[in-house]
Amino acid sequence: MLKFILGDKGAGKTKWLIDSANSELEHGNGNIAFVEVDDDHIFSLDYNIRLINATDYRLSNVESFYGFICGLMAMDYDLEKIYIDGIYKVLNLNIEDLEFLYNKLSRVKELENREIYINVDYLMEDMPDFLKEYAEEVTLD
């Protein structure tokens, strides 16, 4: 399952991802990876969650980002959930790129038993209709 986490800047998307990852660690039995573009949240995440700094991997476009996600899934059979925060700070992901990611990842068999949450700076109204069911908007409310 792929889910885009949407919301305005400052709406709490990062907090939602961190809280969800920490909560899932308590309730799940698989591994969790948290991908971010800096190490600002190293003390907010449970130490059992694998923290990965995406800038270490020189991601330059949506194709390299897709390959990075597939590499994460390939390296750890027990990886159940991947939370990706702030990737828009190093990649300019437009709506077409989100469609590309959905189309490519939805064909990856290993995604059937995994969940990927990607924080993006869009609102539900920005999303094409077919992607809205794969999106959740976070608000300050």
N, C-alpha and C. Protein backbone atom coordinates (compact mmCIF):
# COMPACT_ATOMS: atom_id res chain seq x y z
N MET A 1 0.84 -1.17 0.00
CA MET A 1 0.00 0.00 0.00
C MET A 1 0.89 1.24 0.00
N LEU A 2 0.54 2.16 -0.85
CA LEU A 2 1.23 3.44 -0.93
C LEU A 2 0.25 4.52 -0.50
N LYS A 3 0.69 5.40 0.38
CA LYS A 3 -0.18 6.49 0.86
C LYS A 3 0.63 7.78 0.86
N PHE A 4 0.08 8.80 0.20
CA PHE A 4 0.68 10.13 0.21
C PHE A 4 0.08 10.91 1.37
N ILE A 5 0.92 11.48 2.22
CA ILE A 5 0.49 12.29 3.36
C ILE A 5 0.57 13.75 2.92
N LEU A 6 -0.58 14.39 2.87
CA LEU A 6 -0.70 15.74 2.33
C LEU A 6 -0.95 16.75 3.43
N GLY A 7 -0.67 18.01 3.12
CA GLY A 7 -0.98 19.09 4.04
C GLY A 7 -0.12 20.31 3.77
N ASP A 8 -0.61 21.45 4.24
CA ASP A 8 0.16 22.68 4.14
C ASP A 8 1.43 22.58 4.97
N LYS A 9 2.37 23.45 4.68
CA LYS A 9 3.57 23.55 5.49
C LYS A 9 3.15 23.91 6.92
N GLY A 10 3.67 23.15 7.88
CA GLY A 10 3.33 23.40 9.27
C GLY A 10 2.05 22.73 9.75
N ALA A 11 1.45 21.89 8.90
CA ALA A 11 0.18 21.25 9.25
C ALA A 11 0.35 20.06 10.17
N GLY A 12 1.58 19.59 10.35
CA GLY A 12 1.81 18.46 11.24
C GLY A 12 2.07 17.14 10.53
N LYS A 13 2.48 17.19 9.26
CA LYS A 13 2.75 15.96 8.51
C LYS A 13 3.90 15.17 9.13
N THR A 14 4.97 15.84 9.48
CA THR A 14 6.11 15.15 10.09
C THR A 14 5.72 14.54 11.43
N LYS A 15 5.01 15.28 12.24
CA LYS A 15 4.56 14.75 13.53
C LYS A 15 3.67 13.52 13.31
N TRP A 16 2.79 13.58 12.32
CA TRP A 16 1.93 12.44 12.01
C TRP A 16 2.77 11.22 11.66
N LEU A 17 3.80 11.41 10.81
CA LEU A 17 4.66 10.30 10.42
C LEU A 17 5.41 9.72 11.62
N ILE A 18 5.98 10.58 12.45
CA ILE A 18 6.74 10.12 13.62
C ILE A 18 5.82 9.38 14.59
N ASP A 19 4.67 9.97 14.90
CA ASP A 19 3.73 9.33 15.81
C ASP A 19 3.25 7.99 15.27
N SER A 20 2.98 7.93 13.97
CA SER A 20 2.53 6.68 13.36
C SER A 20 3.61 5.62 13.41
N ALA A 21 4.84 6.00 13.09
CA ALA A 21 5.95 5.04 13.11
C ALA A 21 6.16 4.50 14.52
N ASN A 22 6.18 5.38 15.51
CA ASN A 22 6.37 4.93 16.90
C ASN A 22 5.23 4.04 17.35
N SER A 23 4.01 4.38 16.99
CA SER A 23 2.85 3.59 17.37
C SER A 23 2.87 2.22 16.69
N GLU A 24 3.20 2.19 15.41
CA GLU A 24 3.24 0.93 14.68
C GLU A 24 4.32 0.00 15.22
N LEU A 25 5.40 0.55 15.72
CA LEU A 25 6.46 -0.28 16.29
C LEU A 25 5.93 -1.06 17.47
N GLU A 26 5.07 -0.44 18.27
CA GLU A 26 4.48 -1.11 19.43
C GLU A 26 3.49 -2.19 19.03
N HIS A 27 2.79 -2.01 17.90
CA HIS A 27 1.71 -2.92 17.54
C HIS A 27 2.05 -3.90 16.43
N GLY A 28 3.11 -3.65 15.70
CA GLY A 28 3.47 -4.52 14.58
C GLY A 28 4.53 -5.51 14.97
N ASN A 29 4.86 -6.38 14.03
CA ASN A 29 5.93 -7.33 14.32
C ASN A 29 7.03 -7.30 13.27
N GLY A 30 6.95 -6.36 12.35
CA GLY A 30 7.98 -6.23 11.32
C GLY A 30 8.86 -5.02 11.55
N ASN A 31 9.81 -4.85 10.67
CA ASN A 31 10.73 -3.72 10.77
C ASN A 31 10.12 -2.46 10.16
N ILE A 32 10.59 -1.31 10.64
CA ILE A 32 10.12 -0.02 10.17
C ILE A 32 11.34 0.83 9.81
N ALA A 33 11.25 1.49 8.65
CA ALA A 33 12.28 2.43 8.23
C ALA A 33 11.67 3.83 8.16
N PHE A 34 12.43 4.81 8.61
CA PHE A 34 12.02 6.21 8.54
C PHE A 34 13.07 6.94 7.74
N VAL A 35 12.68 7.46 6.58
CA VAL A 35 13.60 8.14 5.68
C VAL A 35 13.35 9.64 5.80
N GLU A 36 14.41 10.39 6.02
CA GLU A 36 14.30 11.85 6.06
C GLU A 36 15.53 12.46 5.40
N VAL A 37 15.55 13.77 5.29
CA VAL A 37 16.65 14.43 4.58
C VAL A 37 17.63 15.11 5.54
N ASP A 38 17.43 14.92 6.81
CA ASP A 38 18.36 15.41 7.83
C ASP A 38 18.17 14.50 9.04
N ASP A 39 18.87 14.75 10.09
CA ASP A 39 18.75 13.90 11.29
C ASP A 39 18.06 14.63 12.43
N ASP A 40 17.17 15.57 12.09
CA ASP A 40 16.50 16.38 13.11
C ASP A 40 15.64 15.57 14.07
N HIS A 41 15.12 14.45 13.62
CA HIS A 41 14.14 13.72 14.43
C HIS A 41 14.71 12.44 15.04
N ILE A 42 16.01 12.37 15.13
CA ILE A 42 16.66 11.16 15.62
C ILE A 42 16.22 10.82 17.05
N PHE A 43 15.93 11.82 17.85
CA PHE A 43 15.53 11.56 19.23
C PHE A 43 14.02 11.44 19.40
N SER A 44 13.26 11.73 18.35
CA SER A 44 11.80 11.60 18.40
C SER A 44 11.34 10.19 18.05
N LEU A 45 12.17 9.48 17.32
CA LEU A 45 11.82 8.13 16.89
C LEU A 45 12.37 7.09 17.86
N ASP A 46 11.62 6.03 18.05
CA ASP A 46 12.10 4.91 18.85
C ASP A 46 13.41 4.40 18.25
N TYR A 47 14.33 4.00 19.08
CA TYR A 47 15.65 3.59 18.60
C TYR A 47 15.60 2.31 17.76
N ASN A 48 14.49 1.57 17.80
CA ASN A 48 14.35 0.35 16.99
C ASN A 48 13.88 0.64 15.57
N ILE A 49 13.54 1.89 15.28
CA ILE A 49 13.15 2.27 13.93
C ILE A 49 14.41 2.66 13.17
N ARG A 50 14.59 2.08 12.00
CA ARG A 50 15.78 2.35 11.20
C ARG A 50 15.66 3.73 10.57
N LEU A 51 16.52 4.66 10.99
CA LEU A 51 16.54 6.02 10.46
C LEU A 51 17.54 6.09 9.30
N ILE A 52 17.06 6.56 8.15
CA ILE A 52 17.90 6.63 6.95
C ILE A 52 17.88 8.07 6.44
N ASN A 53 19.06 8.64 6.25
CA ASN A 53 19.17 9.98 5.70
C ASN A 53 19.27 9.88 4.18
N ALA A 54 18.23 10.31 3.49
CA ALA A 54 18.15 10.18 2.03
C ALA A 54 19.24 10.96 1.31
N THR A 55 19.74 12.03 1.92
CA THR A 55 20.77 12.83 1.24
C THR A 55 22.07 12.05 1.09
N ASP A 56 22.27 11.01 1.88
CA ASP A 56 23.46 10.18 1.75
C ASP A 56 23.47 9.38 0.45
N TYR A 57 22.32 9.29 -0.22
CA TYR A 57 22.19 8.44 -1.40
C TYR A 57 22.07 9.22 -2.70
N ARG A 58 22.28 10.52 -2.65
CA ARG A 58 22.36 11.37 -3.83
C ARG A 58 21.16 11.20 -4.78
N LEU A 59 19.98 11.20 -4.23
CA LEU A 59 18.78 11.11 -5.05
C LEU A 59 18.66 12.37 -5.89
N SER A 60 18.41 12.20 -7.18
CA SER A 60 18.39 13.37 -8.06
C SER A 60 17.09 13.53 -8.84
N ASN A 61 16.29 12.48 -8.92
CA ASN A 61 15.03 12.57 -9.68
C ASN A 61 14.08 11.47 -9.20
N VAL A 62 12.90 11.46 -9.76
CA VAL A 62 11.88 10.51 -9.31
C VAL A 62 12.29 9.06 -9.62
N GLU A 63 13.04 8.84 -10.69
CA GLU A 63 13.48 7.47 -11.00
C GLU A 63 14.46 6.96 -9.96
N SER A 64 15.39 7.81 -9.52
CA SER A 64 16.33 7.37 -8.48
C SER A 64 15.61 7.17 -7.15
N PHE A 65 14.59 7.97 -6.89
CA PHE A 65 13.78 7.81 -5.67
C PHE A 65 13.02 6.48 -5.71
N TYR A 66 12.45 6.15 -6.86
CA TYR A 66 11.78 4.87 -7.03
C TYR A 66 12.76 3.71 -6.77
N GLY A 67 13.94 3.79 -7.36
CA GLY A 67 14.96 2.76 -7.15
C GLY A 67 15.38 2.65 -5.69
N PHE A 68 15.48 3.79 -5.03
CA PHE A 68 15.83 3.82 -3.60
C PHE A 68 14.78 3.07 -2.78
N ILE A 69 13.50 3.33 -3.05
CA ILE A 69 12.42 2.66 -2.32
C ILE A 69 12.46 1.15 -2.59
N CYS A 70 12.66 0.77 -3.84
CA CYS A 70 12.75 -0.66 -4.17
C CYS A 70 13.96 -1.30 -3.50
N GLY A 71 15.05 -0.58 -3.42
CA GLY A 71 16.23 -1.09 -2.73
C GLY A 71 15.97 -1.33 -1.25
N LEU A 72 15.23 -0.43 -0.62
CA LEU A 72 14.87 -0.64 0.79
C LEU A 72 14.07 -1.92 0.96
N MET A 73 13.10 -2.12 0.08
CA MET A 73 12.27 -3.32 0.18
C MET A 73 13.08 -4.58 -0.10
N ALA A 74 14.01 -4.50 -1.02
CA ALA A 74 14.81 -5.67 -1.38
C ALA A 74 15.81 -6.05 -0.29
N MET A 75 16.29 -5.08 0.45
CA MET A 75 17.34 -5.37 1.44
C MET A 75 16.81 -5.99 2.72
N ASP A 76 15.50 -5.86 2.99
CA ASP A 76 14.96 -6.33 4.26
C ASP A 76 13.59 -6.95 4.03
N TYR A 77 13.55 -8.28 4.01
CA TYR A 77 12.30 -9.00 3.79
C TYR A 77 11.29 -8.70 4.89
N ASP A 78 11.75 -8.39 6.09
CA ASP A 78 10.86 -8.12 7.23
C ASP A 78 10.43 -6.66 7.34
N LEU A 79 10.82 -5.84 6.39
CA LEU A 79 10.45 -4.43 6.41
C LEU A 79 8.97 -4.30 6.07
N GLU A 80 8.17 -3.87 7.06
CA GLU A 80 6.73 -3.76 6.88
C GLU A 80 6.28 -2.37 6.48
N LYS A 81 6.95 -1.35 7.04
CA LYS A 81 6.50 0.01 6.82
C LYS A 81 7.69 0.92 6.54
N ILE A 82 7.47 1.84 5.59
CA ILE A 82 8.47 2.84 5.25
C ILE A 82 7.79 4.20 5.35
N TYR A 83 8.33 5.06 6.18
CA TYR A 83 7.84 6.43 6.32
C TYR A 83 8.88 7.35 5.70
N ILE A 84 8.45 8.21 4.78
CA ILE A 84 9.37 9.10 4.07
C ILE A 84 8.96 10.54 4.33
N ASP A 85 9.84 11.28 4.97
CA ASP A 85 9.55 12.65 5.37
C ASP A 85 10.45 13.65 4.66
N GLY A 86 9.85 14.70 4.14
CA GLY A 86 10.61 15.84 3.62
C GLY A 86 11.38 15.59 2.36
N ILE A 87 11.02 14.57 1.59
CA ILE A 87 11.78 14.28 0.37
C ILE A 87 11.66 15.43 -0.62
N TYR A 88 10.60 16.21 -0.51
CA TYR A 88 10.42 17.37 -1.39
C TYR A 88 11.48 18.44 -1.16
N LYS A 89 12.25 18.33 -0.08
CA LYS A 89 13.34 19.28 0.16
C LYS A 89 14.55 19.00 -0.72
N VAL A 90 14.67 17.77 -1.22
CA VAL A 90 15.80 17.43 -2.08
C VAL A 90 15.37 17.06 -3.50
N LEU A 91 14.10 16.73 -3.68
CA LEU A 91 13.56 16.42 -5.00
C LEU A 91 12.33 17.28 -5.26
N ASN A 92 12.23 17.81 -6.44
CA ASN A 92 11.06 18.58 -6.81
C ASN A 92 10.03 17.61 -7.39
N LEU A 93 9.18 17.06 -6.54
CA LEU A 93 8.18 16.08 -6.98
C LEU A 93 6.90 16.80 -7.37
N ASN A 94 6.59 16.76 -8.65
CA ASN A 94 5.32 17.35 -9.09
C ASN A 94 4.25 16.25 -9.12
N ILE A 95 3.04 16.62 -9.46
CA ILE A 95 1.93 15.66 -9.46
C ILE A 95 2.21 14.50 -10.42
N GLU A 96 2.80 14.79 -11.57
CA GLU A 96 3.13 13.74 -12.52
C GLU A 96 4.13 12.75 -11.92
N ASP A 97 5.06 13.24 -11.09
CA ASP A 97 6.01 12.36 -10.42
C ASP A 97 5.30 11.45 -9.40
N LEU A 98 4.31 11.99 -8.71
CA LEU A 98 3.54 11.17 -7.77
C LEU A 98 2.77 10.09 -8.52
N GLU A 99 2.23 10.44 -9.68
CA GLU A 99 1.55 9.45 -10.51
C GLU A 99 2.54 8.38 -10.97
N PHE A 100 3.74 8.81 -11.39
CA PHE A 100 4.78 7.87 -11.80
C PHE A 100 5.10 6.91 -10.66
N LEU A 101 5.31 7.45 -9.44
CA LEU A 101 5.63 6.59 -8.30
C LEU A 101 4.51 5.59 -8.03
N TYR A 102 3.28 6.08 -8.04
CA TYR A 102 2.16 5.17 -7.80
C TYR A 102 2.13 4.07 -8.87
N ASN A 103 2.22 4.45 -10.13
CA ASN A 103 2.14 3.47 -11.22
C ASN A 103 3.27 2.46 -11.16
N LYS A 104 4.47 2.89 -10.86
CA LYS A 104 5.61 1.97 -10.79
C LYS A 104 5.53 1.09 -9.54
N LEU A 105 5.29 1.70 -8.38
CA LEU A 105 5.28 0.94 -7.14
C LEU A 105 4.10 -0.02 -7.05
N SER A 106 2.98 0.34 -7.62
CA SER A 106 1.81 -0.53 -7.55
C SER A 106 2.04 -1.85 -8.31
N ARG A 107 3.04 -1.89 -9.17
CA ARG A 107 3.37 -3.11 -9.91
C ARG A 107 4.44 -3.96 -9.22
N VAL A 108 4.97 -3.46 -8.10
CA VAL A 108 6.01 -4.20 -7.37
C VAL A 108 5.33 -5.18 -6.41
N LYS A 109 5.54 -6.46 -6.64
CA LYS A 109 4.87 -7.49 -5.86
C LYS A 109 5.15 -7.36 -4.36
N GLU A 110 6.36 -6.98 -3.99
CA GLU A 110 6.73 -6.88 -2.58
C GLU A 110 5.95 -5.79 -1.83
N LEU A 111 5.30 -4.90 -2.56
CA LEU A 111 4.54 -3.84 -1.90
C LEU A 111 3.22 -4.35 -1.33
N GLU A 112 2.78 -5.52 -1.78
CA GLU A 112 1.51 -6.06 -1.32
C GLU A 112 1.44 -6.20 0.20
N ASN A 113 2.54 -6.55 0.84
CA ASN A 113 2.56 -6.78 2.28
C ASN A 113 3.26 -5.66 3.04
N ARG A 114 3.41 -4.52 2.39
CA ARG A 114 4.10 -3.39 3.02
C ARG A 114 3.28 -2.13 2.89
N GLU A 115 3.65 -1.15 3.71
CA GLU A 115 3.01 0.15 3.65
C GLU A 115 4.08 1.22 3.51
N ILE A 116 3.87 2.13 2.57
CA ILE A 116 4.79 3.24 2.36
C ILE A 116 4.00 4.53 2.49
N TYR A 117 4.50 5.42 3.35
CA TYR A 117 3.88 6.72 3.57
C TYR A 117 4.86 7.79 3.13
N ILE A 118 4.45 8.63 2.19
CA ILE A 118 5.34 9.67 1.67
C ILE A 118 4.72 11.03 1.94
N ASN A 119 5.42 11.86 2.68
CA ASN A 119 5.01 13.22 3.01
C ASN A 119 5.30 14.12 1.81
N VAL A 120 4.25 14.76 1.28
CA VAL A 120 4.43 15.68 0.16
C VAL A 120 3.70 17.00 0.45
N ASP A 121 4.18 18.05 -0.14
CA ASP A 121 3.61 19.38 0.07
C ASP A 121 2.50 19.69 -0.92
N TYR A 122 1.44 18.92 -0.88
CA TYR A 122 0.26 19.15 -1.69
C TYR A 122 -0.97 19.01 -0.81
N LEU A 123 -2.07 19.51 -1.30
CA LEU A 123 -3.35 19.37 -0.63
C LEU A 123 -4.21 18.38 -1.43
N MET A 124 -5.27 17.88 -0.82
CA MET A 124 -6.14 16.93 -1.49
C MET A 124 -6.68 17.51 -2.79
N GLU A 125 -6.98 18.81 -2.80
CA GLU A 125 -7.52 19.44 -4.01
C GLU A 125 -6.53 19.46 -5.16
N ASP A 126 -5.22 19.31 -4.85
CA ASP A 126 -4.19 19.28 -5.89
C ASP A 126 -4.07 17.92 -6.56
N MET A 127 -4.56 16.89 -5.90
CA MET A 127 -4.36 15.52 -6.37
C MET A 127 -5.36 15.15 -7.46
N PRO A 128 -4.91 14.40 -8.48
CA PRO A 128 -5.86 13.89 -9.46
C PRO A 128 -6.82 12.91 -8.78
N ASP A 129 -7.99 12.77 -9.33
CA ASP A 129 -9.03 11.96 -8.69
C ASP A 129 -8.57 10.55 -8.37
N PHE A 130 -7.85 9.89 -9.28
CA PHE A 130 -7.49 8.51 -9.03
C PHE A 130 -6.46 8.36 -7.91
N LEU A 131 -5.72 9.42 -7.57
CA LEU A 131 -4.76 9.34 -6.48
C LEU A 131 -5.36 9.72 -5.13
N LYS A 132 -6.53 10.30 -5.12
CA LYS A 132 -7.13 10.75 -3.86
C LYS A 132 -7.37 9.61 -2.89
N GLU A 133 -7.66 8.42 -3.40
CA GLU A 133 -7.87 7.30 -2.48
C GLU A 133 -6.56 6.81 -1.86
N TYR A 134 -5.45 7.25 -2.40
CA TYR A 134 -4.13 6.88 -1.87
C TYR A 134 -3.49 8.06 -1.14
N ALA A 135 -4.32 8.98 -0.70
CA ALA A 135 -3.82 10.19 -0.03
C ALA A 135 -4.60 10.43 1.25
N GLU A 136 -3.91 11.02 2.21
CA GLU A 136 -4.54 11.43 3.46
C GLU A 136 -4.03 12.83 3.78
N GLU A 137 -4.95 13.74 4.04
CA GLU A 137 -4.55 15.12 4.34
C GLU A 137 -4.51 15.33 5.84
N VAL A 138 -3.41 15.89 6.30
CA VAL A 138 -3.20 16.20 7.72
C VAL A 138 -3.46 17.67 7.93
N THR A 139 -4.20 18.00 8.96
CA THR A 139 -4.48 19.40 9.30
C THR A 139 -4.14 19.64 10.76
N LEU A 140 -4.06 20.88 11.13
CA LEU A 140 -3.75 21.24 12.53
C LEU A 140 -4.91 20.96 13.48
N ASP A 141 -6.10 20.74 12.95
CA ASP A 141 -7.28 20.52 13.80
C ASP A 141 -7.13 19.34 14.71
